[in-house]
Amino acid sequence: MNGTFTVNIGARVLNNDVSLWSAQVNMMTNNRDNDTRDESKYDYLNQKYIIDFFITKCNGIVLDFGPDRFKSTMGHTYEGGWASFTVCATKHGIPGDTRTDIDVYLNGDQILNVDGATEFSNWVLVHDEEPNFHIGSYKGLLYHVDGFINYFEYTPDSCIASNFVAGSDCEWWQFGDADCTNCHSTCQRGCEDEKECTLSCHPSCKNCTGPTADDCVDCWCDAHRTHPELQSSCCECDLGSMGSPDNCRPVCIDGCDVCSGNGQYDCELCGTDY
């Protein structure tokens, strides 16, 4: 891959905790131990890393750019349907202080900052004529996409965000006819028509091998399987969360009725007399 590049991918993803694309790369950074040595001389540290662009369990969008992680803000999550995802990287330095400006777009909107500002990494890519991409998975081994990928575009030496959205405007629980008809209630992972799905999961399971609460293979946001070493097991809310496994929510501090987390600044609705 080039140090400056754009990757655009158009997809309709039916699951989460998945990698949209990944690539093994060589990266370098300045190894400047102090500010007293000759600034005309630069020492570079080279490492092999993975670039991984993925959707989290809770529908956030994350770019692992070597050792650095860039996350979408709370207001920017992937909620299903067709969407375009863009990663723009702009290389600076060499010779000089290494730096890569990072922008991530969802349907043409910058999602890393509430004000749309560019983030940056102190690492840059070492040029590679034949980039080794894995589309729809992490290194071709893990976190596979269940859904549809309409296009994948790698453009070296430029940073251009795409706002092209492929396919229909139907949500993931609908199928792409002219009316976006809802899937049958037994379908947990999307559908191709309005017929009943053969496998119906327990409400506490996101994906399953059978109909009972013990048959979960994936859990909903902020929940986990009680026995991940087994093929399937029950789901329960994560530490710091409460509720049923299909609707886990943060445990709020005293005096807070509704919150986005467990901290004192995460309260969204105070209790009576607070």
C-alpha atoms as a PDB file:
ATOM      1  CA  MET A   1       0.000   0.000   0.000  1.00  0.00           C
ATOM      2  CA  ASN A   2       1.029   3.599  -0.507  1.00  0.00           C
ATOM      3  CA  GLY A   3       1.473   5.918   2.449  1.00  0.00           C
ATOM      4  CA  THR A   4      -1.376   8.031   1.047  1.00  0.00           C
ATOM      5  CA  PHE A   5      -4.440   6.037   0.015  1.00  0.00           C
ATOM      6  CA  THR A   6      -8.222   5.773   0.008  1.00  0.00           C
ATOM      7  CA  VAL A   7     -10.223   2.598   0.596  1.00  0.00           C
ATOM      8  CA  ASN A   8     -13.949   2.730  -0.191  1.00  0.00           C
ATOM      9  CA  ILE A   9     -16.194  -0.226   0.523  1.00  0.00           C
ATOM     10  CA  GLY A  10     -19.946  -0.444  -0.037  1.00  0.00           C
ATOM     11  CA  ALA A  11     -21.654  -3.082   2.071  1.00  0.00           C
ATOM     12  CA  ARG A  12     -24.828  -4.255   3.728  1.00  0.00           C
ATOM     13  CA  VAL A  13     -23.749  -6.092   6.876  1.00  0.00           C
ATOM     14  CA  LEU A  14     -26.142  -8.421   8.725  1.00  0.00           C
ATOM     15  CA  ASN A  15     -23.967  -9.114  11.770  1.00  0.00           C
ATOM     16  CA  ASN A  16     -21.543  -7.108  13.918  1.00  0.00           C
ATOM     17  CA  ASP A  17     -18.158  -7.605  15.581  1.00  0.00           C
ATOM     18  CA  VAL A  18     -16.827  -8.078  12.036  1.00  0.00           C
ATOM     19  CA  SER A  19     -13.904  -6.865   9.972  1.00  0.00           C
ATOM     20  CA  LEU A  20     -14.852  -5.045   6.762  1.00  0.00           C
ATOM     21  CA  TRP A  21     -11.264  -5.291   5.523  1.00  0.00           C
ATOM     22  CA  SER A  22      -7.769  -5.850   6.828  1.00  0.00           C
ATOM     23  CA  ALA A  23      -4.233  -5.752   5.445  1.00  0.00           C
ATOM     24  CA  GLN A  24      -0.793  -6.734   6.680  1.00  0.00           C
ATOM     25  CA  VAL A  25       1.619  -3.826   6.183  1.00  0.00           C
ATOM     26  CA  ASN A  26       5.069  -2.517   7.022  1.00  0.00           C
ATOM     27  CA  MET A  27       5.069   0.745   8.973  1.00  0.00           C
ATOM     28  CA  MET A  28       7.727   3.120  10.241  1.00  0.00           C
ATOM     29  CA  THR A  29       8.030   5.949  12.734  1.00  0.00           C
ATOM     30  CA  ASN A  30      10.719   8.315  13.980  1.00  0.00           C
ATOM     31  CA  ASN A  31      12.593   6.907  16.944  1.00  0.00           C
ATOM     32  CA  ARG A  32      13.511  10.270  18.476  1.00  0.00           C
ATOM     33  CA  ASP A  33      14.652   9.716  22.034  1.00  0.00           C
ATOM     34  CA  ASN A  34      15.385  13.379  22.814  1.00  0.00           C
ATOM     35  CA  ASP A  35      15.257  16.850  21.303  1.00  0.00           C
ATOM     36  CA  THR A  36      19.000  17.593  21.502  1.00  0.00           C
ATOM     37  CA  ARG A  37      20.346  15.608  18.575  1.00  0.00           C
ATOM     38  CA  ASP A  38      20.743  16.929  15.056  1.00  0.00           C
ATOM     39  CA  GLU A  39      17.236  17.382  13.590  1.00  0.00           C
ATOM     40  CA  SER A  40      18.635  16.830  10.101  1.00  0.00           C
ATOM     41  CA  LYS A  41      19.213  13.181  11.032  1.00  0.00           C
ATOM     42  CA  TYR A  42      16.290  10.858  11.558  1.00  0.00           C
ATOM     43  CA  ASP A  43      16.218   7.324  12.940  1.00  0.00           C
ATOM     44  CA  TYR A  44      13.315   5.189  11.749  1.00  0.00           C
ATOM     45  CA  LEU A  45      11.776   2.201  13.510  1.00  0.00           C
ATOM     46  CA  ASN A  46      10.214  -0.384  11.148  1.00  0.00           C
ATOM     47  CA  GLN A  47       7.514  -2.836  12.224  1.00  0.00           C
ATOM     48  CA  LYS A  48       4.994  -5.236  10.695  1.00  0.00           C
ATOM     49  CA  TYR A  49       1.425  -4.358  11.636  1.00  0.00           C
ATOM     50  CA  ILE A  50      -2.182  -5.027  10.676  1.00  0.00           C
ATOM     51  CA  ILE A  51      -4.584  -2.363   9.464  1.00  0.00           C
ATOM     52  CA  ASP A  52      -8.058  -3.500  10.481  1.00  0.00           C
ATOM     53  CA  PHE A  53     -11.300  -1.660   9.698  1.00  0.00           C
ATOM     54  CA  PHE A  54     -14.196  -3.149  11.614  1.00  0.00           C
ATOM     55  CA  ILE A  55     -17.670  -2.808  13.117  1.00  0.00           C
ATOM     56  CA  THR A  56     -17.804  -3.420  16.859  1.00  0.00           C
ATOM     57  CA  LYS A  57     -20.252  -5.539  18.804  1.00  0.00           C
ATOM     58  CA  CYS A  58     -22.177  -2.350  19.633  1.00  0.00           C
ATOM     59  CA  ASN A  59     -22.143  -1.070  16.015  1.00  0.00           C
ATOM     60  CA  GLY A  60     -19.303   1.436  16.417  1.00  0.00           C
ATOM     61  CA  ILE A  61     -16.806   1.848  13.568  1.00  0.00           C
ATOM     62  CA  VAL A  62     -13.107   1.430  14.357  1.00  0.00           C
ATOM     63  CA  LEU A  63      -9.843   1.676  12.419  1.00  0.00           C
ATOM     64  CA  ASP A  64      -6.769   0.001  13.858  1.00  0.00           C
ATOM     65  CA  PHE A  65      -3.931   1.754  12.045  1.00  0.00           C
ATOM     66  CA  GLY A  66      -1.001  -0.305  13.245  1.00  0.00           C
ATOM     67  CA  PRO A  67      -0.608   0.405  16.980  1.00  0.00           C
ATOM     68  CA  ASP A  68      -3.089   3.309  16.917  1.00  0.00           C
ATOM     69  CA  ARG A  69      -6.862   2.974  17.246  1.00  0.00           C
ATOM     70  CA  PHE A  70      -9.425   5.448  15.902  1.00  0.00           C
ATOM     71  CA  LYS A  71     -13.083   5.119  16.953  1.00  0.00           C
ATOM     72  CA  SER A  72     -16.259   6.730  15.648  1.00  0.00           C
ATOM     73  CA  THR A  73     -18.041   9.106  17.996  1.00  0.00           C
ATOM     74  CA  MET A  74     -21.162   7.963  19.879  1.00  0.00           C
ATOM     75  CA  GLY A  75     -23.469   9.653  17.382  1.00  0.00           C
ATOM     76  CA  HIS A  76     -21.988   7.747  14.441  1.00  0.00           C
ATOM     77  CA  THR A  77     -22.752   4.043  14.403  1.00  0.00           C
ATOM     78  CA  TYR A  78     -23.694   1.597  11.674  1.00  0.00           C
ATOM     79  CA  GLU A  79     -27.382   0.739  12.038  1.00  0.00           C
ATOM     80  CA  GLY A  80     -27.773  -1.638   9.109  1.00  0.00           C
ATOM     81  CA  GLY A  81     -28.774  -1.245   5.482  1.00  0.00           C
ATOM     82  CA  TRP A  82     -26.504  -0.367   2.571  1.00  0.00           C
ATOM     83  CA  ALA A  83     -23.716   2.065   3.421  1.00  0.00           C
ATOM     84  CA  SER A  84     -20.407   3.319   2.085  1.00  0.00           C
ATOM     85  CA  PHE A  85     -17.384   3.212   4.389  1.00  0.00           C
ATOM     86  CA  THR A  86     -14.254   5.229   3.568  1.00  0.00           C
ATOM     87  CA  VAL A  87     -10.774   5.316   5.077  1.00  0.00           C
ATOM     88  CA  CYS A  88      -8.482   8.147   3.932  1.00  0.00           C
ATOM     89  CA  ALA A  89      -4.809   8.223   4.939  1.00  0.00           C
ATOM     90  CA  THR A  90      -2.447  11.084   3.991  1.00  0.00           C
ATOM     91  CA  LYS A  91       1.267  10.569   4.570  1.00  0.00           C
ATOM     92  CA  HIS A  92       3.692  13.299   5.695  1.00  0.00           C
ATOM     93  CA  GLY A  93       7.424  13.310   6.452  1.00  0.00           C
ATOM     94  CA  ILE A  94      10.147  10.962   5.122  1.00  0.00           C
ATOM     95  CA  PRO A  95      12.496  12.605   5.441  1.00  0.00           C
ATOM     96  CA  GLY A  96      11.193  14.444   8.472  1.00  0.00           C
ATOM     97  CA  ASP A  97       8.818  13.749  11.319  1.00  0.00           C
ATOM     98  CA  THR A  98       6.548  10.876  10.361  1.00  0.00           C
ATOM     99  CA  ARG A  99       2.811  11.518  10.406  1.00  0.00           C
ATOM    100  CA  THR A 100      -0.307  10.121   8.737  1.00  0.00           C
ATOM    101  CA  ASP A 101      -3.551  12.108   8.772  1.00  0.00           C
ATOM    102  CA  ILE A 102      -6.553   9.810   9.245  1.00  0.00           C
ATOM    103  CA  ASP A 103     -10.140  10.455   8.148  1.00  0.00           C
ATOM    104  CA  VAL A 104     -12.966   7.915   8.319  1.00  0.00           C
ATOM    105  CA  TYR A 105     -16.309   8.528   6.600  1.00  0.00           C
ATOM    106  CA  LEU A 106     -19.709   6.850   6.771  1.00  0.00           C
ATOM    107  CA  ASN A 107     -21.839   7.754   3.748  1.00  0.00           C
ATOM    108  CA  GLY A 108     -19.641  10.799   3.158  1.00  0.00           C
ATOM    109  CA  ASP A 109     -19.752  12.124   6.759  1.00  0.00           C
ATOM    110  CA  GLN A 110     -16.579  12.315   8.852  1.00  0.00           C
ATOM    111  CA  ILE A 111     -17.241  10.222  11.970  1.00  0.00           C
ATOM    112  CA  LEU A 112     -14.102  10.419  14.137  1.00  0.00           C
ATOM    113  CA  ASN A 113     -14.859  13.829  15.669  1.00  0.00           C
ATOM    114  CA  VAL A 114     -18.037  15.717  16.440  1.00  0.00           C
ATOM    115  CA  ASP A 115     -16.574  18.688  14.583  1.00  0.00           C
ATOM    116  CA  GLY A 116     -15.248  16.634  11.662  1.00  0.00           C
ATOM    117  CA  ALA A 117     -11.593  17.246  12.495  1.00  0.00           C
ATOM    118  CA  THR A 118      -8.816  15.033  11.151  1.00  0.00           C
ATOM    119  CA  GLU A 119      -7.012  12.630  13.509  1.00  0.00           C
ATOM    120  CA  PHE A 120      -3.395  11.597  13.020  1.00  0.00           C
ATOM    121  CA  SER A 121      -0.890   8.819  13.722  1.00  0.00           C
ATOM    122  CA  ASN A 122       2.875   9.132  14.130  1.00  0.00           C
ATOM    123  CA  TRP A 123       3.289   6.028  11.968  1.00  0.00           C
ATOM    124  CA  VAL A 124       3.429   5.888   8.151  1.00  0.00           C
ATOM    125  CA  LEU A 125       3.141   3.009   5.698  1.00  0.00           C
ATOM    126  CA  VAL A 126       6.171   1.675   3.864  1.00  0.00           C
ATOM    127  CA  HIS A 127       5.367   1.540   0.140  1.00  0.00           C
ATOM    128  CA  ASP A 128       4.188  -1.853  -1.104  1.00  0.00           C
ATOM    129  CA  GLU A 129       3.444  -2.433  -4.808  1.00  0.00           C
ATOM    130  CA  GLU A 130       1.068  -5.338  -4.095  1.00  0.00           C
ATOM    131  CA  PRO A 131      -1.071  -4.687  -0.985  1.00  0.00           C
ATOM    132  CA  ASN A 132      -2.412  -7.848   0.612  1.00  0.00           C
ATOM    133  CA  PHE A 133      -6.052  -7.124   1.448  1.00  0.00           C
ATOM    134  CA  HIS A 134      -8.510  -9.448   3.159  1.00  0.00           C
ATOM    135  CA  ILE A 135     -12.021  -8.254   2.346  1.00  0.00           C
ATOM    136  CA  GLY A 136     -14.812  -9.103   4.753  1.00  0.00           C
ATOM    137  CA  SER A 137     -12.603 -10.680   7.427  1.00  0.00           C
ATOM    138  CA  TYR A 138      -9.603 -10.263   9.699  1.00  0.00           C
ATOM    139  CA  LYS A 139      -6.633 -11.779   7.810  1.00  0.00           C
ATOM    140  CA  GLY A 140      -9.057 -14.187   6.134  1.00  0.00           C
ATOM    141  CA  LEU A 141      -9.384 -16.102   9.401  1.00  0.00           C
ATOM    142  CA  LEU A 142     -11.712 -14.336  11.859  1.00  0.00           C
ATOM    143  CA  TYR A 143     -14.603 -11.878  12.202  1.00  0.00           C
ATOM    144  CA  HIS A 144     -16.209 -12.670   8.847  1.00  0.00           C
ATOM    145  CA  VAL A 145     -18.895 -10.419   7.373  1.00  0.00           C
ATOM    146  CA  ASP A 146     -22.315 -11.992   6.993  1.00  0.00           C
ATOM    147  CA  GLY A 147     -24.059  -9.918   4.344  1.00  0.00           C
ATOM    148  CA  PHE A 148     -23.261  -8.318   1.010  1.00  0.00           C
ATOM    149  CA  ILE A 149     -20.292  -6.333  -0.296  1.00  0.00           C
ATOM    150  CA  ASN A 150     -21.119  -4.423  -3.471  1.00  0.00           C
ATOM    151  CA  TYR A 151     -17.713  -2.865  -4.179  1.00  0.00           C
ATOM    152  CA  PHE A 152     -14.211  -2.471  -2.806  1.00  0.00           C
ATOM    153  CA  GLU A 153     -11.989   0.314  -4.183  1.00  0.00           C
ATOM    154  CA  TYR A 154      -8.363   0.950  -3.285  1.00  0.00           C
ATOM    155  CA  THR A 155      -6.965   4.232  -4.668  1.00  0.00           C
ATOM    156  CA  PRO A 156      -3.286   5.071  -4.017  1.00  0.00           C
ATOM    157  CA  ASP A 157      -1.914   8.630  -3.742  1.00  0.00           C
ATOM    158  CA  SER A 158      -5.275  10.297  -3.058  1.00  0.00           C
ATOM    159  CA  CYS A 159      -7.852  10.870  -0.340  1.00  0.00           C
ATOM    160  CA  ILE A 160     -11.386  11.009  -1.740  1.00  0.00           C
ATOM    161  CA  ALA A 161     -14.456  10.125   0.328  1.00  0.00           C
ATOM    162  CA  SER A 162     -17.288   8.338  -1.418  1.00  0.00           C
ATOM    163  CA  ASN A 163     -20.937   8.979  -0.564  1.00  0.00           C
ATOM    164  CA  PHE A 164     -22.244   6.389  -3.000  1.00  0.00           C
ATOM    165  CA  VAL A 165     -24.625   3.979  -1.258  1.00  0.00           C
ATOM    166  CA  ALA A 166     -25.115   0.724  -3.113  1.00  0.00           C
ATOM    167  CA  GLY A 167     -28.195  -1.443  -3.307  1.00  0.00           C
ATOM    168  CA  SER A 168     -31.598  -0.651  -1.840  1.00  0.00           C
ATOM    169  CA  ASP A 169     -32.545   1.568   1.091  1.00  0.00           C
ATOM    170  CA  CYS A 170     -34.097  -1.336   2.998  1.00  0.00           C
ATOM    171  CA  GLU A 171     -33.076  -2.011   6.592  1.00  0.00           C
ATOM    172  CA  TRP A 172     -31.365  -5.257   7.588  1.00  0.00           C
ATOM    173  CA  TRP A 173     -34.666  -6.712   8.890  1.00  0.00           C
ATOM    174  CA  GLN A 174     -36.307  -6.122   5.482  1.00  0.00           C
ATOM    175  CA  PHE A 175     -35.660  -7.630   2.081  1.00  0.00           C
ATOM    176  CA  GLY A 176     -34.979  -5.649  -1.041  1.00  0.00           C
ATOM    177  CA  ASP A 177     -38.270  -5.662  -2.905  1.00  0.00           C
ATOM    178  CA  ALA A 178     -39.876  -2.437  -4.058  1.00  0.00           C
ATOM    179  CA  ASP A 179     -41.681  -1.966  -0.710  1.00  0.00           C
ATOM    180  CA  CYS A 180     -38.874  -3.084   1.668  1.00  0.00           C
ATOM    181  CA  THR A 181     -41.153  -5.738   3.167  1.00  0.00           C
ATOM    182  CA  ASN A 182     -40.303  -6.816   6.706  1.00  0.00           C
ATOM    183  CA  CYS A 183     -38.776 -10.225   7.278  1.00  0.00           C
ATOM    184  CA  HIS A 184     -40.813 -12.814   9.153  1.00  0.00           C
ATOM    185  CA  SER A 185     -40.581 -12.425  12.957  1.00  0.00           C
ATOM    186  CA  THR A 186     -38.647 -15.714  13.207  1.00  0.00           C
ATOM    187  CA  CYS A 187     -35.728 -14.287  11.185  1.00  0.00           C
ATOM    188  CA  GLN A 188     -32.891 -12.996  13.364  1.00  0.00           C
ATOM    189  CA  ARG A 189     -30.237 -12.221  10.712  1.00  0.00           C
ATOM    190  CA  GLY A 190     -32.087 -10.693   7.774  1.00  0.00           C
ATOM    191  CA  CYS A 191     -33.791 -12.572   4.960  1.00  0.00           C
ATOM    192  CA  GLU A 192     -34.204 -12.900   1.204  1.00  0.00           C
ATOM    193  CA  ASP A 193     -38.008 -13.169   1.209  1.00  0.00           C
ATOM    194  CA  GLU A 194     -40.950 -12.985   3.630  1.00  0.00           C
ATOM    195  CA  LYS A 195     -40.991 -16.713   4.434  1.00  0.00           C
ATOM    196  CA  GLU A 196     -40.586 -18.041   7.966  1.00  0.00           C
ATOM    197  CA  CYS A 197     -36.978 -18.766   8.886  1.00  0.00           C
ATOM    198  CA  THR A 198     -36.244 -22.372   9.844  1.00  0.00           C
ATOM    199  CA  LEU A 199     -34.136 -21.448  12.905  1.00  0.00           C
ATOM    200  CA  SER A 200     -35.716 -19.223  15.541  1.00  0.00           C
ATOM    201  CA  CYS A 201     -33.468 -18.021  18.383  1.00  0.00           C
ATOM    202  CA  HIS A 202     -34.378 -17.329  21.987  1.00  0.00           C
ATOM    203  CA  PRO A 203     -34.755 -13.541  22.501  1.00  0.00           C
ATOM    204  CA  SER A 204     -31.583 -13.458  24.646  1.00  0.00           C
ATOM    205  CA  CYS A 205     -29.486 -14.819  21.726  1.00  0.00           C
ATOM    206  CA  LYS A 206     -28.342 -12.751  18.769  1.00  0.00           C
ATOM    207  CA  ASN A 207     -27.312 -15.885  16.842  1.00  0.00           C
ATOM    208  CA  CYS A 208     -27.893 -19.453  17.896  1.00  0.00           C
ATOM    209  CA  THR A 209     -27.793 -23.182  17.200  1.00  0.00           C
ATOM    210  CA  GLY A 210     -31.305 -23.807  18.552  1.00  0.00           C
ATOM    211  CA  PRO A 211     -34.392 -22.229  20.147  1.00  0.00           C
ATOM    212  CA  THR A 212     -33.454 -22.244  23.868  1.00  0.00           C
ATOM    213  CA  ALA A 213     -31.504 -19.731  25.973  1.00  0.00           C
ATOM    214  CA  ASP A 214     -28.651 -22.267  26.224  1.00  0.00           C
ATOM    215  CA  ASP A 215     -28.184 -22.264  22.429  1.00  0.00           C
ATOM    216  CA  CYS A 216     -26.623 -18.791  22.035  1.00  0.00           C
ATOM    217  CA  VAL A 217     -23.459 -18.489  19.920  1.00  0.00           C
ATOM    218  CA  ASP A 218     -23.519 -14.636  19.810  1.00  0.00           C
ATOM    219  CA  CYS A 219     -24.950 -12.160  22.317  1.00  0.00           C
ATOM    220  CA  TRP A 220     -26.450  -8.702  21.977  1.00  0.00           C
ATOM    221  CA  CYS A 221     -24.622  -5.446  22.728  1.00  0.00           C
ATOM    222  CA  ASP A 222     -23.030  -5.254  26.233  1.00  0.00           C
ATOM    223  CA  ALA A 223     -23.668  -8.952  26.879  1.00  0.00           C
ATOM    224  CA  HIS A 224     -21.449 -12.049  26.749  1.00  0.00           C
ATOM    225  CA  ARG A 225     -21.773 -15.834  26.776  1.00  0.00           C
ATOM    226  CA  THR A 226     -21.464 -17.464  30.194  1.00  0.00           C
ATOM    227  CA  HIS A 227     -19.379 -20.343  28.805  1.00  0.00           C
ATOM    228  CA  PRO A 228     -17.456 -19.188  25.703  1.00  0.00           C
ATOM    229  CA  GLU A 229     -15.418 -22.400  25.714  1.00  0.00           C
ATOM    230  CA  LEU A 230     -18.562 -24.308  24.684  1.00  0.00           C
ATOM    231  CA  GLN A 231     -20.195 -24.293  21.263  1.00  0.00           C
ATOM    232  CA  SER A 232     -23.239 -22.554  22.757  1.00  0.00           C
ATOM    233  CA  SER A 233     -24.374 -21.246  26.144  1.00  0.00           C
ATOM    234  CA  CYS A 234     -26.537 -18.622  27.852  1.00  0.00           C
ATOM    235  CA  CYS A 235     -25.926 -14.869  27.559  1.00  0.00           C
ATOM    236  CA  GLU A 236     -25.725 -12.419  30.461  1.00  0.00           C
ATOM    237  CA  CYS A 237     -25.042  -8.696  30.770  1.00  0.00           C
ATOM    238  CA  ASP A 238     -21.435  -7.525  31.044  1.00  0.00           C
ATOM    239  CA  LEU A 239     -19.974  -6.256  34.317  1.00  0.00           C
ATOM    240  CA  GLY A 240     -21.219  -2.703  34.813  1.00  0.00           C
ATOM    241  CA  SER A 241     -24.447  -3.401  32.913  1.00  0.00           C
ATOM    242  CA  MET A 242     -27.869  -4.631  34.005  1.00  0.00           C
ATOM    243  CA  GLY A 243     -31.142  -5.872  32.533  1.00  0.00           C
ATOM    244  CA  SER A 244     -32.065  -8.779  30.292  1.00  0.00           C
ATOM    245  CA  PRO A 245     -29.358 -10.083  27.895  1.00  0.00           C
ATOM    246  CA  ASP A 246     -31.229  -8.674  24.909  1.00  0.00           C
ATOM    247  CA  ASN A 247     -31.464  -5.180  26.456  1.00  0.00           C
ATOM    248  CA  CYS A 248     -28.429  -4.568  28.680  1.00  0.00           C
ATOM    249  CA  ARG A 249     -27.916  -1.019  29.910  1.00  0.00           C
ATOM    250  CA  PRO A 250     -25.281   0.680  32.097  1.00  0.00           C
ATOM    251  CA  VAL A 251     -25.574   0.611  35.885  1.00  0.00           C
ATOM    252  CA  CYS A 252     -25.935   4.294  36.755  1.00  0.00           C
ATOM    253  CA  ILE A 253     -24.453   6.086  39.751  1.00  0.00           C
ATOM    254  CA  ASP A 254     -26.734   7.053  42.648  1.00  0.00           C
ATOM    255  CA  GLY A 255     -29.179   9.808  41.727  1.00  0.00           C
ATOM    256  CA  CYS A 256     -29.092   9.040  38.007  1.00  0.00           C
ATOM    257  CA  ASP A 257     -32.038   7.295  36.319  1.00  0.00           C
ATOM    258  CA  VAL A 258     -30.715   7.165  32.736  1.00  0.00           C
ATOM    259  CA  CYS A 259     -27.054   7.132  31.745  1.00  0.00           C
ATOM    260  CA  SER A 260     -24.627   6.294  28.956  1.00  0.00           C
ATOM    261  CA  GLY A 261     -21.992   4.869  31.328  1.00  0.00           C
ATOM    262  CA  ASN A 262     -20.933   4.445  34.942  1.00  0.00           C
ATOM    263  CA  GLY A 263     -19.093   7.766  35.384  1.00  0.00           C
ATOM    264  CA  GLN A 264     -20.293  10.912  37.126  1.00  0.00           C
ATOM    265  CA  TYR A 265     -20.463  12.772  33.797  1.00  0.00           C
ATOM    266  CA  ASP A 266     -22.438  10.030  32.010  1.00  0.00           C
ATOM    267  CA  CYS A 267     -25.840  10.853  33.530  1.00  0.00           C
ATOM    268  CA  GLU A 268     -28.530  11.781  30.983  1.00  0.00           C
ATOM    269  CA  LEU A 269     -31.565  11.999  33.327  1.00  0.00           C
ATOM    270  CA  CYS A 270     -31.355  12.701  37.051  1.00  0.00           C
ATOM    271  CA  GLY A 271     -33.605  11.055  39.620  1.00  0.00           C
ATOM    272  CA  THR A 272     -36.155  12.826  41.765  1.00  0.00           C
ATOM    273  CA  ASP A 273     -34.622  15.356  44.201  1.00  0.00           C
ATOM    274  CA  TYR A 274     -31.239  15.263  42.377  1.00  0.00           C
END
